[in-house]
Structures are given as structure tokens and as C-alpha cells.
């Protein structure tokens, strides 16, 4: 998929639409590999293009697992 993106890479119009989505409901979050890392995100359709928006990265440190939130702007 060519449209795997971080939230901060999106245009203002798409960011506003995602904020509206989060205010109305919580999208289904999925896990997926991306560039050798474990990510979580959600699908979002905008102007007939489907994006997979990266929401967080899962990092393992020893026996611990940490989820780093990558939505740099608060989405509410």
C-alpha cells in the first residue's frame, strides 16, 4: 500500500476530517508491520483514496512493551 502515512504528514483538510471522525466515533485500530517496525493505525478514506494512518509504534525493551503515540496533534 502506497498510502501508509503519519498523521503529521497529512494536509490540514484531512487532519480536520480525522478530528471529526474521532469526535463521532473511534475507528477500528489494526496492527501492521511498516519499515521493519510494529505499528498500529486505522484506515481512512479521503477523496476516493484509502490511507492507513499510523497512530502508534510498539517498541519492545527487554520484557517490556511500550506503545508510543505518534499522533502529534491531539485528535478529539
N, C-alpha and C. Protein backbone atom coordinates (compact mmCIF):
# COMPACT_ATOMS: atom_id res chain seq x y z
N UNK A 1 0.84 -1.17 0.00
CA UNK A 1 0.00 0.00 0.00
C UNK A 1 0.89 1.23 0.00
N UNK A 2 0.66 2.15 -0.89
CA UNK A 2 1.46 3.36 -1.01
C UNK A 2 1.02 4.45 -0.06
N UNK A 3 -0.14 4.32 0.51
CA UNK A 3 -0.72 5.41 1.29
C UNK A 3 -0.65 5.16 2.79
N UNK A 4 0.46 4.62 3.27
CA UNK A 4 0.68 4.48 4.70
C UNK A 4 1.37 5.77 5.14
N UNK A 5 0.73 6.52 6.02
CA UNK A 5 1.25 7.85 6.38
C UNK A 5 1.15 8.11 7.88
N UNK A 6 2.03 8.99 8.34
CA UNK A 6 1.94 9.52 9.70
C UNK A 6 0.96 10.68 9.68
N UNK A 7 0.26 10.89 10.79
CA UNK A 7 -0.73 11.95 10.89
C UNK A 7 -0.14 13.31 10.54
N UNK A 8 1.08 13.60 11.01
CA UNK A 8 1.67 14.92 10.79
C UNK A 8 2.05 15.16 9.33
N UNK A 9 2.03 14.13 8.48
CA UNK A 9 2.32 14.28 7.05
C UNK A 9 1.08 14.65 6.24
N UNK A 10 -0.08 14.63 6.85
CA UNK A 10 -1.33 14.86 6.14
C UNK A 10 -1.62 16.34 5.95
N UNK A 11 -2.43 16.63 4.95
CA UNK A 11 -2.86 18.01 4.73
C UNK A 11 -3.84 18.44 5.82
N UNK A 12 -4.00 19.73 5.98
CA UNK A 12 -4.89 20.27 7.01
C UNK A 12 -6.32 19.76 6.82
N UNK A 13 -6.77 19.68 5.58
CA UNK A 13 -8.14 19.20 5.32
C UNK A 13 -8.37 17.77 5.80
N UNK A 14 -7.39 16.89 5.57
CA UNK A 14 -7.52 15.51 6.02
C UNK A 14 -7.44 15.44 7.54
N UNK A 15 -6.56 16.23 8.14
CA UNK A 15 -6.45 16.26 9.61
C UNK A 15 -7.78 16.67 10.24
N UNK A 16 -8.42 17.68 9.68
CA UNK A 16 -9.71 18.13 10.20
C UNK A 16 -10.77 17.04 10.07
N UNK A 17 -10.76 16.32 8.94
CA UNK A 17 -11.72 15.23 8.74
C UNK A 17 -11.47 14.10 9.74
N UNK A 18 -10.21 13.83 10.06
CA UNK A 18 -9.89 12.79 11.04
C UNK A 18 -10.33 13.23 12.43
N UNK A 19 -10.14 14.49 12.76
CA UNK A 19 -10.61 15.01 14.05
C UNK A 19 -12.13 14.84 14.17
N UNK A 20 -12.84 15.11 13.07
CA UNK A 20 -14.29 14.93 13.07
C UNK A 20 -14.64 13.45 13.28
N UNK A 21 -13.91 12.56 12.61
CA UNK A 21 -14.13 11.12 12.77
C UNK A 21 -13.98 10.73 14.23
N UNK A 22 -12.89 11.17 14.89
CA UNK A 22 -12.66 10.82 16.29
C UNK A 22 -13.72 11.43 17.21
N UNK A 23 -14.30 12.56 16.83
CA UNK A 23 -15.34 13.15 17.68
C UNK A 23 -16.65 12.37 17.56
N UNK A 24 -16.86 11.70 16.44
CA UNK A 24 -18.09 10.95 16.21
C UNK A 24 -17.98 9.49 16.66
N UNK A 25 -16.80 8.91 16.49
CA UNK A 25 -16.59 7.51 16.86
C UNK A 25 -15.09 7.23 16.87
N UNK A 26 -14.72 6.09 17.41
CA UNK A 26 -13.33 5.65 17.42
C UNK A 26 -13.15 4.65 16.29
N UNK A 27 -12.22 4.91 15.37
CA UNK A 27 -12.03 3.95 14.28
C UNK A 27 -11.41 2.65 14.79
N UNK A 28 -11.59 1.58 14.04
CA UNK A 28 -11.01 0.29 14.40
C UNK A 28 -9.49 0.37 14.20
N UNK A 29 -8.74 0.05 15.23
CA UNK A 29 -7.29 0.11 15.20
C UNK A 29 -6.75 -1.28 14.83
N UNK A 30 -5.82 -1.31 13.88
CA UNK A 30 -5.21 -2.57 13.46
C UNK A 30 -3.70 -2.51 13.68
N UNK A 31 -3.07 -3.67 13.80
CA UNK A 31 -1.62 -3.78 13.91
C UNK A 31 -1.07 -4.18 12.55
N UNK A 32 0.13 -3.65 12.20
CA UNK A 32 0.74 -3.98 10.93
C UNK A 32 2.24 -3.66 10.97
N UNK A 33 3.03 -4.37 10.15
CA UNK A 33 4.45 -4.04 10.07
C UNK A 33 4.65 -2.88 9.09
N UNK A 34 5.61 -2.02 9.37
CA UNK A 34 5.93 -0.91 8.48
C UNK A 34 7.40 -0.57 8.66
N UNK A 35 8.16 -0.69 7.60
CA UNK A 35 9.59 -0.40 7.60
C UNK A 35 10.31 -1.12 8.74
N UNK A 36 9.97 -2.39 8.92
CA UNK A 36 10.62 -3.23 9.92
C UNK A 36 10.19 -2.97 11.36
N UNK A 37 9.15 -2.17 11.54
CA UNK A 37 8.67 -1.87 12.90
C UNK A 37 7.21 -2.30 13.02
N UNK A 38 6.76 -2.46 14.26
CA UNK A 38 5.38 -2.86 14.56
C UNK A 38 4.57 -1.60 14.83
N UNK A 39 3.57 -1.34 14.00
CA UNK A 39 2.75 -0.14 14.11
C UNK A 39 1.30 -0.50 14.39
N UNK A 40 0.56 0.50 14.86
CA UNK A 40 -0.90 0.41 14.97
C UNK A 40 -1.47 1.63 14.25
N UNK A 41 -2.60 1.43 13.61
CA UNK A 41 -3.21 2.53 12.89
C UNK A 41 -4.62 2.20 12.47
N UNK A 42 -5.16 3.04 11.58
CA UNK A 42 -6.54 2.87 11.13
C UNK A 42 -6.66 3.32 9.68
N UNK A 43 -7.64 2.76 9.01
CA UNK A 43 -7.91 3.14 7.62
C UNK A 43 -8.79 4.38 7.61
N UNK A 44 -8.54 5.24 6.62
CA UNK A 44 -9.33 6.45 6.46
C UNK A 44 -9.43 6.74 4.97
N UNK A 45 -10.66 6.94 4.49
CA UNK A 45 -10.87 7.24 3.08
C UNK A 45 -11.11 8.73 2.90
N UNK A 46 -10.38 9.33 1.96
CA UNK A 46 -10.50 10.76 1.68
C UNK A 46 -10.41 10.95 0.17
N UNK A 47 -11.43 11.50 -0.43
CA UNK A 47 -11.49 11.77 -1.87
C UNK A 47 -11.10 10.53 -2.68
N UNK A 48 -11.74 9.41 -2.36
CA UNK A 48 -11.57 8.13 -3.05
C UNK A 48 -10.17 7.54 -2.92
N UNK A 49 -9.39 7.99 -1.94
CA UNK A 49 -8.08 7.41 -1.65
C UNK A 49 -8.14 6.85 -0.24
N UNK A 50 -7.73 5.60 -0.09
CA UNK A 50 -7.69 4.98 1.24
C UNK A 50 -6.30 5.13 1.82
N UNK A 51 -6.24 5.71 3.01
CA UNK A 51 -4.99 5.89 3.73
C UNK A 51 -4.96 4.95 4.92
N UNK A 52 -3.79 4.47 5.26
CA UNK A 52 -3.58 3.76 6.51
C UNK A 52 -2.80 4.74 7.37
N UNK A 53 -3.46 5.33 8.35
CA UNK A 53 -2.88 6.36 9.20
C UNK A 53 -2.17 5.68 10.37
N UNK A 54 -0.89 5.97 10.54
CA UNK A 54 -0.13 5.40 11.64
C UNK A 54 -0.49 6.16 12.91
N UNK A 55 -0.98 5.42 13.90
CA UNK A 55 -1.37 6.01 15.18
C UNK A 55 -0.29 5.85 16.23
N UNK A 56 0.35 4.68 16.26
CA UNK A 56 1.35 4.42 17.30
C UNK A 56 2.34 3.37 16.84
N UNK A 57 3.48 3.34 17.53
CA UNK A 57 4.51 2.33 17.28
C UNK A 57 4.67 1.50 18.55
N UNK A 58 4.81 0.19 18.38
CA UNK A 58 5.02 -0.71 19.51
C UNK A 58 6.51 -0.98 19.61
N UNK A 59 7.08 -0.68 20.77
CA UNK A 59 8.51 -0.84 20.99
C UNK A 59 8.71 -1.84 22.12
N UNK A 60 9.59 -2.80 21.89
CA UNK A 60 9.91 -3.77 22.94
C UNK A 60 11.27 -3.42 23.53
N UNK A 61 11.32 -3.41 24.84
CA UNK A 61 12.56 -3.14 25.56
C UNK A 61 12.69 -4.22 26.64
N UNK A 62 13.54 -5.19 26.39
CA UNK A 62 13.65 -6.31 27.32
C UNK A 62 12.34 -7.08 27.35
N UNK A 63 11.78 -7.23 28.55
CA UNK A 63 10.49 -7.91 28.70
C UNK A 63 9.31 -6.96 28.63
N UNK A 64 9.58 -5.67 28.46
CA UNK A 64 8.52 -4.67 28.44
C UNK A 64 8.11 -4.31 27.02
N UNK A 65 6.86 -3.95 26.87
CA UNK A 65 6.33 -3.45 25.60
C UNK A 65 5.74 -2.07 25.85
N UNK A 66 6.14 -1.12 25.02
CA UNK A 66 5.67 0.26 25.15
C UNK A 66 4.99 0.66 23.86
N UNK A 67 3.85 1.34 23.97
CA UNK A 67 3.16 1.86 22.80
C UNK A 67 3.40 3.37 22.75
N UNK A 68 4.10 3.83 21.72
CA UNK A 68 4.39 5.25 21.56
C UNK A 68 3.33 5.88 20.67
N UNK A 69 2.58 6.83 21.20
CA UNK A 69 1.54 7.51 20.44
C UNK A 69 2.21 8.47 19.47
N UNK A 70 1.91 8.33 18.18
CA UNK A 70 2.53 9.15 17.15
C UNK A 70 1.60 10.22 16.59
N UNK A 71 0.40 10.34 17.15
CA UNK A 71 -0.48 11.42 16.72
C UNK A 71 0.03 12.69 17.40
N UNK A 72 0.78 13.48 16.67
CA UNK A 72 1.45 14.61 17.28
C UNK A 72 0.49 15.74 17.63
N UNK A 73 -0.65 15.74 17.00
CA UNK A 73 -1.67 16.74 17.33
C UNK A 73 -2.81 16.01 18.01
N UNK A 74 -3.33 16.60 19.03
CA UNK A 74 -4.41 15.95 19.76
C UNK A 74 -5.63 15.81 18.84
N UNK A 75 -6.13 14.60 18.72
CA UNK A 75 -7.28 14.31 17.88
C UNK A 75 -8.46 14.06 18.79
N UNK A 76 -9.38 15.00 18.83
CA UNK A 76 -10.59 14.86 19.65
C UNK A 76 -11.76 15.44 18.94
